[in-house]
Amino acid sequence: MYAITGNWWRAAGAYANPELHAGEMDLIVLPGAAFTRDGKRLGYGGGFYDTLLAGPAAGVPLAGVCFPCQLLDDLPMEAHDRHVDMVIAPGGE
């Protein structure tokens, strides 16, 4: 995942990144194993993004990026899961 802050891209992976602060991020682009059109996201099971999204990135808009084959009708969600605000797939799916 990368946080876009002005003209800088900062990687935020599996470890806490002290350079990420609330109010600095305009959009977070998230990978995922699958998405639904209404914004549900299936991650990779590590909980790394859940931790980031509950902390310094809380309230920052989220964009999920995937291939059309990763768009499903429904996915299970847990209480700590956050919906993405938009899903971007080739072909405008």
PDB file of N, CA and C in Angstrom:
ATOM      1  N   MET A   1       0.846  -1.165   0.000  1.00  0.00           N
ATOM      2  CA  MET A   1       0.000   0.000   0.000  1.00  0.00           C
ATOM      3  C   MET A   1       0.891   1.227   0.000  1.00  0.00           C
ATOM      4  N   TYR A   2       0.422   2.272  -0.632  1.00  0.00           N
ATOM      5  CA  TYR A   2       1.171   3.520  -0.685  1.00  0.00           C
ATOM      6  C   TYR A   2       0.263   4.659  -0.270  1.00  0.00           C
ATOM      7  N   ALA A   3       0.786   5.550   0.507  1.00  0.00           N
ATOM      8  CA  ALA A   3       0.049   6.742   0.906  1.00  0.00           C
ATOM      9  C   ALA A   3       0.522   7.894   0.033  1.00  0.00           C
ATOM     10  N   ILE A   4      -0.409   8.589  -0.568  1.00  0.00           N
ATOM     11  CA  ILE A   4      -0.073   9.725  -1.414  1.00  0.00           C
ATOM     12  C   ILE A   4      -0.134  10.969  -0.537  1.00  0.00           C
ATOM     13  N   THR A   5       0.986  11.610  -0.343  1.00  0.00           N
ATOM     14  CA  THR A   5       1.036  12.815   0.488  1.00  0.00           C
ATOM     15  C   THR A   5       1.735  13.896  -0.319  1.00  0.00           C
ATOM     16  N   GLY A   6       0.962  14.785  -0.880  1.00  0.00           N
ATOM     17  CA  GLY A   6       1.551  15.828  -1.727  1.00  0.00           C
ATOM     18  C   GLY A   6       2.195  15.185  -2.936  1.00  0.00           C
ATOM     19  N   ASN A   7       3.478  15.415  -3.137  1.00  0.00           N
ATOM     20  CA  ASN A   7       4.199  14.835  -4.264  1.00  0.00           C
ATOM     21  C   ASN A   7       4.998  13.599  -3.867  1.00  0.00           C
ATOM     22  N   TRP A   8       4.775  13.069  -2.669  1.00  0.00           N
ATOM     23  CA  TRP A   8       5.556  11.947  -2.172  1.00  0.00           C
ATOM     24  C   TRP A   8       4.707  10.695  -2.046  1.00  0.00           C
ATOM     25  N   TRP A   9       5.294   9.556  -2.340  1.00  0.00           N
ATOM     26  CA  TRP A   9       4.658   8.256  -2.126  1.00  0.00           C
ATOM     27  C   TRP A   9       5.418   7.587  -0.995  1.00  0.00           C
ATOM     28  N   ARG A  10       4.710   7.108  -0.004  1.00  0.00           N
ATOM     29  CA  ARG A  10       5.346   6.413   1.111  1.00  0.00           C
ATOM     30  C   ARG A  10       4.758   5.008   1.218  1.00  0.00           C
ATOM     31  N   ALA A  11       5.609   4.015   1.221  1.00  0.00           N
ATOM     32  CA  ALA A  11       5.143   2.641   1.368  1.00  0.00           C
ATOM     33  C   ALA A  11       4.757   2.385   2.813  1.00  0.00           C
ATOM     34  N   ALA A  12       3.636   1.707   3.008  1.00  0.00           N
ATOM     35  CA  ALA A  12       3.206   1.304   4.346  1.00  0.00           C
ATOM     36  C   ALA A  12       2.866  -0.164   4.280  1.00  0.00           C
ATOM     37  N   GLY A  13       3.772  -0.998   4.687  1.00  0.00           N
ATOM     38  CA  GLY A  13       3.575  -2.434   4.581  1.00  0.00           C
ATOM     39  C   GLY A  13       3.154  -3.053   5.892  1.00  0.00           C
ATOM     40  N   ALA A  14       3.765  -4.153   6.208  1.00  0.00           N
ATOM     41  CA  ALA A  14       3.369  -4.947   7.354  1.00  0.00           C
ATOM     42  C   ALA A  14       3.765  -4.325   8.685  1.00  0.00           C
ATOM     43  N   TYR A  15       4.573  -3.313   8.690  1.00  0.00           N
ATOM     44  CA  TYR A  15       5.067  -2.728   9.925  1.00  0.00           C
ATOM     45  C   TYR A  15       4.561  -1.301  10.082  1.00  0.00           C
ATOM     46  N   ALA A  16       4.454  -0.882  11.316  1.00  0.00           N
ATOM     47  CA  ALA A  16       4.011   0.486  11.574  1.00  0.00           C
ATOM     48  C   ALA A  16       4.978   1.465  10.920  1.00  0.00           C
ATOM     49  N   ASN A  17       4.454   2.509  10.330  1.00  0.00           N
ATOM     50  CA  ASN A  17       5.273   3.501   9.664  1.00  0.00           C
ATOM     51  C   ASN A  17       5.079   4.820  10.397  1.00  0.00           C
ATOM     52  N   PRO A  18       6.049   5.243  11.197  1.00  0.00           N
ATOM     53  CA  PRO A  18       5.867   6.470  11.981  1.00  0.00           C
ATOM     54  C   PRO A  18       5.756   7.728  11.129  1.00  0.00           C
ATOM     55  N   GLU A  19       6.018   7.631   9.828  1.00  0.00           N
ATOM     56  CA  GLU A  19       5.907   8.803   8.960  1.00  0.00           C
ATOM     57  C   GLU A  19       4.479   9.089   8.554  1.00  0.00           C
ATOM     58  N   LEU A  20       3.556   8.169   8.778  1.00  0.00           N
ATOM     59  CA  LEU A  20       2.163   8.377   8.411  1.00  0.00           C
ATOM     60  C   LEU A  20       1.429   9.042   9.566  1.00  0.00           C
ATOM     61  N   HIS A  21       0.817  10.172   9.284  1.00  0.00           N
ATOM     62  CA  HIS A  21       0.106  10.912  10.317  1.00  0.00           C
ATOM     63  C   HIS A  21      -1.296  11.248   9.832  1.00  0.00           C
ATOM     64  N   ALA A  22      -2.223  11.296  10.763  1.00  0.00           N
ATOM     65  CA  ALA A  22      -3.588  11.687  10.428  1.00  0.00           C
ATOM     66  C   ALA A  22      -3.565  13.057   9.773  1.00  0.00           C
ATOM     67  N   GLY A  23      -4.367  13.241   8.751  1.00  0.00           N
ATOM     68  CA  GLY A  23      -4.440  14.517   8.062  1.00  0.00           C
ATOM     69  C   GLY A  23      -3.469  14.670   6.912  1.00  0.00           C
ATOM     70  N   GLU A  24      -2.495  13.769   6.764  1.00  0.00           N
ATOM     71  CA  GLU A  24      -1.528  13.855   5.670  1.00  0.00           C
ATOM     72  C   GLU A  24      -1.983  13.109   4.413  1.00  0.00           C
ATOM     73  N   MET A  25      -2.874  12.158   4.583  1.00  0.00           N
ATOM     74  CA  MET A  25      -3.239  11.287   3.465  1.00  0.00           C
ATOM     75  C   MET A  25      -4.562  11.717   2.843  1.00  0.00           C
ATOM     76  N   ASP A  26      -4.584  11.785   1.516  1.00  0.00           N
ATOM     77  CA  ASP A  26      -5.810  12.140   0.799  1.00  0.00           C
ATOM     78  C   ASP A  26      -6.547  10.913   0.283  1.00  0.00           C
ATOM     79  N   LEU A  27      -5.826   9.838   0.007  1.00  0.00           N
ATOM     80  CA  LEU A  27      -6.403   8.619  -0.551  1.00  0.00           C
ATOM     81  C   LEU A  27      -5.450   7.470  -0.291  1.00  0.00           C
ATOM     82  N   ILE A  28      -5.997   6.311   0.038  1.00  0.00           N
ATOM     83  CA  ILE A  28      -5.196   5.098   0.188  1.00  0.00           C
ATOM     84  C   ILE A  28      -5.690   4.089  -0.839  1.00  0.00           C
ATOM     85  N   VAL A  29      -4.764   3.558  -1.631  1.00  0.00           N
ATOM     86  CA  VAL A  29      -5.077   2.530  -2.629  1.00  0.00           C
ATOM     87  C   VAL A  29      -4.716   1.181  -2.014  1.00  0.00           C
ATOM     88  N   LEU A  30      -5.726   0.306  -1.887  1.00  0.00           N
ATOM     89  CA  LEU A  30      -5.542  -0.985  -1.229  1.00  0.00           C
ATOM     90  C   LEU A  30      -5.580  -2.138  -2.216  1.00  0.00           C
ATOM     91  N   PRO A  31      -4.678  -3.101  -2.050  1.00  0.00           N
ATOM     92  CA  PRO A  31      -4.810  -4.350  -2.795  1.00  0.00           C
ATOM     93  C   PRO A  31      -5.820  -5.236  -2.073  1.00  0.00           C
ATOM     94  N   GLY A  32      -6.214  -6.292  -2.705  1.00  0.00           N
ATOM     95  CA  GLY A  32      -7.097  -7.259  -2.063  1.00  0.00           C
ATOM     96  C   GLY A  32      -7.203  -8.516  -2.898  1.00  0.00           C
ATOM     97  N   ALA A  33      -7.613  -9.589  -2.264  1.00  0.00           N
ATOM     98  CA  ALA A  33      -7.830 -10.840  -2.983  1.00  0.00           C
ATOM     99  C   ALA A  33      -9.138 -10.779  -3.765  1.00  0.00           C
ATOM    100  N   ALA A  34     -10.117 -10.039  -3.222  1.00  0.00           N
ATOM    101  CA  ALA A  34     -11.417  -9.899  -3.882  1.00  0.00           C
ATOM    102  C   ALA A  34     -12.128  -8.665  -3.328  1.00  0.00           C
ATOM    103  N   PHE A  35     -13.070  -8.170  -4.119  1.00  0.00           N
ATOM    104  CA  PHE A  35     -13.886  -7.011  -3.731  1.00  0.00           C
ATOM    105  C   PHE A  35     -15.318  -7.237  -4.202  1.00  0.00           C
ATOM    106  N   THR A  36     -16.242  -6.480  -3.634  1.00  0.00           N
ATOM    107  CA  THR A  36     -17.593  -6.404  -4.176  1.00  0.00           C
ATOM    108  C   THR A  36     -17.796  -4.986  -4.697  1.00  0.00           C
ATOM    109  N   ARG A  37     -18.787  -4.821  -5.538  1.00  0.00           N
ATOM    110  CA  ARG A  37     -19.036  -3.494  -6.103  1.00  0.00           C
ATOM    111  C   ARG A  37     -19.472  -2.490  -5.045  1.00  0.00           C
ATOM    112  N   ASP A  38     -20.031  -2.988  -3.933  1.00  0.00           N
ATOM    113  CA  ASP A  38     -20.445  -2.066  -2.870  1.00  0.00           C
ATOM    114  C   ASP A  38     -19.338  -1.814  -1.848  1.00  0.00           C
ATOM    115  N   GLY A  39     -18.108  -2.255  -2.129  1.00  0.00           N
ATOM    116  CA  GLY A  39     -16.969  -1.858  -1.321  1.00  0.00           C
ATOM    117  C   GLY A  39     -16.453  -2.846  -0.298  1.00  0.00           C
ATOM    118  N   LYS A  40     -16.998  -4.050  -0.245  1.00  0.00           N
ATOM    119  CA  LYS A  40     -16.433  -5.038   0.669  1.00  0.00           C
ATOM    120  C   LYS A  40     -15.083  -5.500   0.113  1.00  0.00           C
ATOM    121  N   ARG A  41     -14.148  -5.809   1.024  1.00  0.00           N
ATOM    122  CA  ARG A  41     -12.798  -6.195   0.614  1.00  0.00           C
ATOM    123  C   ARG A  41     -12.366  -7.439   1.364  1.00  0.00           C
ATOM    124  N   LEU A  42     -11.823  -8.394   0.635  1.00  0.00           N
ATOM    125  CA  LEU A  42     -11.203  -9.570   1.225  1.00  0.00           C
ATOM    126  C   LEU A  42      -9.705  -9.385   1.112  1.00  0.00           C
ATOM    127  N   GLY A  43      -9.039  -9.267   2.256  1.00  0.00           N
ATOM    128  CA  GLY A  43      -7.593  -9.065   2.267  1.00  0.00           C
ATOM    129  C   GLY A  43      -6.852 -10.384   2.153  1.00  0.00           C
ATOM    130  N   TYR A  44      -5.626 -10.360   2.611  1.00  0.00           N
ATOM    131  CA  TYR A  44      -4.773 -11.541   2.516  1.00  0.00           C
ATOM    132  C   TYR A  44      -4.595 -12.233   3.859  1.00  0.00           C
ATOM    133  N   GLY A  45      -5.333 -11.815   4.883  1.00  0.00           N
ATOM    134  CA  GLY A  45      -5.359 -12.530   6.143  1.00  0.00           C
ATOM    135  C   GLY A  45      -4.357 -12.110   7.190  1.00  0.00           C
ATOM    136  N   GLY A  46      -3.533 -11.121   6.929  1.00  0.00           N
ATOM    137  CA  GLY A  46      -2.534 -10.716   7.909  1.00  0.00           C
ATOM    138  C   GLY A  46      -3.007  -9.660   8.891  1.00  0.00           C
ATOM    139  N   GLY A  47      -4.064  -8.925   8.556  1.00  0.00           N
ATOM    140  CA  GLY A  47      -4.573  -7.875   9.424  1.00  0.00           C
ATOM    141  C   GLY A  47      -3.739  -6.603   9.427  1.00  0.00           C
ATOM    142  N   PHE A  48      -2.747  -6.511   8.533  1.00  0.00           N
ATOM    143  CA  PHE A  48      -1.856  -5.350   8.516  1.00  0.00           C
ATOM    144  C   PHE A  48      -2.604  -4.080   8.133  1.00  0.00           C
ATOM    145  N   TYR A  49      -3.436  -4.170   7.122  1.00  0.00           N
ATOM    146  CA  TYR A  49      -4.163  -2.984   6.688  1.00  0.00           C
ATOM    147  C   TYR A  49      -5.230  -2.605   7.705  1.00  0.00           C
ATOM    148  N   ASP A  50      -5.854  -3.594   8.341  1.00  0.00           N
ATOM    149  CA  ASP A  50      -6.849  -3.293   9.373  1.00  0.00           C
ATOM    150  C   ASP A  50      -6.238  -2.448  10.479  1.00  0.00           C
ATOM    151  N   THR A  51      -5.017  -2.776  10.868  1.00  0.00           N
ATOM    152  CA  THR A  51      -4.330  -2.029  11.919  1.00  0.00           C
ATOM    153  C   THR A  51      -4.061  -0.594  11.478  1.00  0.00           C
ATOM    154  N   LEU A  52      -3.554  -0.440  10.264  1.00  0.00           N
ATOM    155  CA  LEU A  52      -3.276   0.900   9.747  1.00  0.00           C
ATOM    156  C   LEU A  52      -4.561   1.709   9.607  1.00  0.00           C
ATOM    157  N   LEU A  53      -5.616   1.083   9.095  1.00  0.00           N
ATOM    158  CA  LEU A  53      -6.857   1.807   8.835  1.00  0.00           C
ATOM    159  C   LEU A  53      -7.590   2.176  10.119  1.00  0.00           C
ATOM    160  N   ALA A  54      -7.310   1.491  11.204  1.00  0.00           N
ATOM    161  CA  ALA A  54      -7.917   1.839  12.484  1.00  0.00           C
ATOM    162  C   ALA A  54      -7.104   2.910  13.206  1.00  0.00           C
ATOM    163  N   GLY A  55      -5.867   3.122  12.772  1.00  0.00           N
ATOM    164  CA  GLY A  55      -4.982   4.079  13.439  1.00  0.00           C
ATOM    165  C   GLY A  55      -4.845   5.365  12.661  1.00  0.00           C
ATOM    166  N   PRO A  56      -3.644   5.644  12.132  1.00  0.00           N
ATOM    167  CA  PRO A  56      -3.390   6.938  11.501  1.00  0.00           C
ATOM    168  C   PRO A  56      -4.200   7.179  10.228  1.00  0.00           C
ATOM    169  N   ALA A  57      -4.710   6.126   9.623  1.00  0.00           N
ATOM    170  CA  ALA A  57      -5.444   6.295   8.373  1.00  0.00           C
ATOM    171  C   ALA A  57      -6.956   6.273   8.556  1.00  0.00           C
ATOM    172  N   ALA A  58      -7.427   6.277   9.780  1.00  0.00           N
ATOM    173  CA  ALA A  58      -8.871   6.276  10.027  1.00  0.00           C
ATOM    174  C   ALA A  58      -9.508   7.484   9.355  1.00  0.00           C
ATOM    175  N   GLY A  59     -10.550   7.259   8.601  1.00  0.00           N
ATOM    176  CA  GLY A  59     -11.265   8.348   7.942  1.00  0.00           C
ATOM    177  C   GLY A  59     -10.731   8.747   6.576  1.00  0.00           C
ATOM    178  N   VAL A  60      -9.593   8.195   6.159  1.00  0.00           N
ATOM    179  CA  VAL A  60      -9.034   8.513   4.845  1.00  0.00           C
ATOM    180  C   VAL A  60      -9.796   7.696   3.790  1.00  0.00           C
ATOM    181  N   PRO A  61     -10.215   8.304   2.678  1.00  0.00           N
ATOM    182  CA  PRO A  61     -10.902   7.544   1.633  1.00  0.00           C
ATOM    183  C   PRO A  61     -10.040   6.388   1.117  1.00  0.00           C
ATOM    184  N   LEU A  62     -10.718   5.265   0.811  1.00  0.00           N
ATOM    185  CA  LEU A  62     -10.032   4.056   0.354  1.00  0.00           C
ATOM    186  C   LEU A  62     -10.470   3.684  -1.055  1.00  0.00           C
ATOM    187  N   ALA A  63      -9.496   3.310  -1.884  1.00  0.00           N
ATOM    188  CA  ALA A  63      -9.782   2.815  -3.230  1.00  0.00           C
ATOM    189  C   ALA A  63      -9.209   1.414  -3.349  1.00  0.00           C
ATOM    190  N   GLY A  64     -10.037   0.469  -3.726  1.00  0.00           N
ATOM    191  CA  GLY A  64      -9.585  -0.893  -3.980  1.00  0.00           C
ATOM    192  C   GLY A  64      -9.308  -1.047  -5.464  1.00  0.00           C
ATOM    193  N   VAL A  65      -8.214  -1.717  -5.796  1.00  0.00           N
ATOM    194  CA  VAL A  65      -7.838  -1.928  -7.198  1.00  0.00           C
ATOM    195  C   VAL A  65      -7.789  -3.418  -7.460  1.00  0.00           C
ATOM    196  N   CYS A  66      -8.465  -3.854  -8.535  1.00  0.00           N
ATOM    197  CA  CYS A  66      -8.509  -5.282  -8.826  1.00  0.00           C
ATOM    198  C   CYS A  66      -8.781  -5.531 -10.304  1.00  0.00           C
ATOM    199  N   PHE A  67      -8.666  -6.787 -10.682  1.00  0.00           N
ATOM    200  CA  PHE A  67      -9.061  -7.241 -12.016  1.00  0.00           C
ATOM    201  C   PHE A  67     -10.540  -7.623 -11.969  1.00  0.00           C
ATOM    202  N   PRO A  68     -11.237  -7.606 -13.101  1.00  0.00           N
ATOM    203  CA  PRO A  68     -12.658  -7.964 -13.100  1.00  0.00           C
ATOM    204  C   PRO A  68     -12.945  -9.340 -12.492  1.00  0.00           C
ATOM    205  N   CYS A  69     -12.025 -10.284 -12.639  1.00  0.00           N
ATOM    206  CA  CYS A  69     -12.245 -11.623 -12.085  1.00  0.00           C
ATOM    207  C   CYS A  69     -12.218 -11.624 -10.558  1.00  0.00           C
ATOM    208  N   GLN A  70     -11.767 -10.535  -9.935  1.00  0.00           N
ATOM    209  CA  GLN A  70     -11.731 -10.432  -8.487  1.00  0.00           C
ATOM    210  C   GLN A  70     -12.981  -9.769  -7.914  1.00  0.00           C
ATOM    211  N   LEU A  71     -13.919  -9.370  -8.772  1.00  0.00           N
ATOM    212  CA  LEU A  71     -15.175  -8.777  -8.318  1.00  0.00           C
ATOM    213  C   LEU A  71     -16.184  -9.883  -8.054  1.00  0.00           C
ATOM    214  N   LEU A  72     -16.670  -9.953  -6.835  1.00  0.00           N
ATOM    215  CA  LEU A  72     -17.631 -10.974  -6.432  1.00  0.00           C
ATOM    216  C   LEU A  72     -18.939 -10.331  -6.006  1.00  0.00           C
ATOM    217  N   ASP A  73     -19.991 -11.136  -5.922  1.00  0.00           N
ATOM    218  CA  ASP A  73     -21.296 -10.614  -5.506  1.00  0.00           C
ATOM    219  C   ASP A  73     -21.359 -10.295  -4.021  1.00  0.00           C
ATOM    220  N   ASP A  74     -20.677 -11.087  -3.188  1.00  0.00           N
ATOM    221  CA  ASP A  74     -20.715 -10.849  -1.752  1.00  0.00           C
ATOM    222  C   ASP A  74     -19.456 -11.416  -1.107  1.00  0.00           C
ATOM    223  N   LEU A  75     -19.087 -10.859   0.031  1.00  0.00           N
ATOM    224  CA  LEU A  75     -17.939 -11.313   0.816  1.00  0.00           C
ATOM    225  C   LEU A  75     -18.291 -11.211   2.293  1.00  0.00           C
ATOM    226  N   PRO A  76     -17.729 -12.098   3.117  1.00  0.00           N
ATOM    227  CA  PRO A  76     -17.964 -11.973   4.560  1.00  0.00           C
ATOM    228  C   PRO A  76     -17.206 -10.769   5.108  1.00  0.00           C
ATOM    229  N   MET A  77     -17.785 -10.121   6.104  1.00  0.00           N
ATOM    230  CA  MET A  77     -17.142  -8.968   6.743  1.00  0.00           C
ATOM    231  C   MET A  77     -17.141  -9.190   8.248  1.00  0.00           C
ATOM    232  N   GLU A  78     -16.099  -8.691   8.909  1.00  0.00           N
ATOM    233  CA  GLU A  78     -16.034  -8.720  10.369  1.00  0.00           C
ATOM    234  C   GLU A  78     -16.181  -7.300  10.893  1.00  0.00           C
ATOM    235  N   ALA A  79     -16.387  -7.167  12.183  1.00  0.00           N
ATOM    236  CA  ALA A  79     -16.661  -5.863  12.779  1.00  0.00           C
ATOM    237  C   ALA A  79     -15.556  -4.848  12.514  1.00  0.00           C
ATOM    238  N   HIS A  80     -14.296  -5.276  12.445  1.00  0.00           N
ATOM    239  CA  HIS A  80     -13.180  -4.344  12.258  1.00  0.00           C
ATOM    240  C   HIS A  80     -12.899  -4.022  10.786  1.00  0.00           C
ATOM    241  N   ASP A  81     -13.542  -4.730   9.856  1.00  0.00           N
ATOM    242  CA  ASP A  81     -13.304  -4.496   8.431  1.00  0.00           C
ATOM    243  C   ASP A  81     -13.906  -3.171   7.991  1.00  0.00           C
ATOM    244  N   ARG A  82     -13.184  -2.469   7.142  1.00  0.00           N
ATOM    245  CA  ARG A  82     -13.671  -1.212   6.567  1.00  0.00           C
ATOM    246  C   ARG A  82     -13.984  -1.427   5.097  1.00  0.00           C
ATOM    247  N   HIS A  83     -15.121  -0.914   4.659  1.00  0.00           N
ATOM    248  CA  HIS A  83     -15.448  -0.917   3.238  1.00  0.00           C
ATOM    249  C   HIS A  83     -14.531   0.067   2.519  1.00  0.00           C
ATOM    250  N   VAL A  84     -14.206  -0.220   1.269  1.00  0.00           N
ATOM    251  CA  VAL A  84     -13.494   0.770   0.460  1.00  0.00           C
ATOM    252  C   VAL A  84     -14.542   1.710  -0.132  1.00  0.00           C
ATOM    253  N   ASP A  85     -14.132   2.932  -0.412  1.00  0.00           N
ATOM    254  CA  ASP A  85     -15.058   3.931  -0.939  1.00  0.00           C
ATOM    255  C   ASP A  85     -15.284   3.790  -2.433  1.00  0.00           C
ATOM    256  N   MET A  86     -14.320   3.172  -3.111  1.00  0.00           N
ATOM    257  CA  MET A  86     -14.460   2.940  -4.555  1.00  0.00           C
ATOM    258  C   MET A  86     -13.656   1.710  -4.930  1.00  0.00           C
ATOM    259  N   VAL A  87     -14.122   1.005  -5.965  1.00  0.00           N
ATOM    260  CA  VAL A  87     -13.404  -0.145  -6.504  1.00  0.00           C
ATOM    261  C   VAL A  87     -13.083   0.169  -7.955  1.00  0.00           C
ATOM    262  N   ILE A  88     -11.805   0.046  -8.290  1.00  0.00           N
ATOM    263  CA  ILE A  88     -11.330   0.362  -9.640  1.00  0.00           C
ATOM    264  C   ILE A  88     -10.887  -0.935 -10.302  1.00  0.00           C
ATOM    265  N   ALA A  89     -11.474  -1.220 -11.470  1.00  0.00           N
ATOM    266  CA  ALA A  89     -11.123  -2.430 -12.224  1.00  0.00           C
ATOM    267  C   ALA A  89     -11.014  -2.059 -13.695  1.00  0.00           C
ATOM    268  N   PRO A  90     -10.123  -2.719 -14.449  1.00  0.00           N
ATOM    269  CA  PRO A  90     -10.020  -2.433 -15.878  1.00  0.00           C
ATOM    270  C   PRO A  90     -11.371  -2.613 -16.575  1.00  0.00           C
ATOM    271  N   GLY A  91     -11.636  -1.787 -17.532  1.00  0.00           N
ATOM    272  CA  GLY A  91     -12.878  -1.880 -18.277  1.00  0.00           C
ATOM    273  C   GLY A  91     -14.052  -1.222 -17.585  1.00  0.00           C
ATOM    274  N   GLY A  92     -13.806  -0.523 -16.508  1.00  0.00           N
ATOM    275  CA  GLY A  92     -14.881   0.189 -15.819  1.00  0.00           C
ATOM    276  C   GLY A  92     -15.845  -0.695 -15.089  1.00  0.00           C
ATOM    277  N   GLU A  93     -15.444  -1.900 -14.801  1.00  0.00           N
ATOM    278  CA  GLU A  93     -16.326  -2.857 -14.118  1.00  0.00           C
ATOM    279  C   GLU A  93     -16.802  -2.281 -12.830  1.00  0.00           C
TER     280      GLU A  93
END
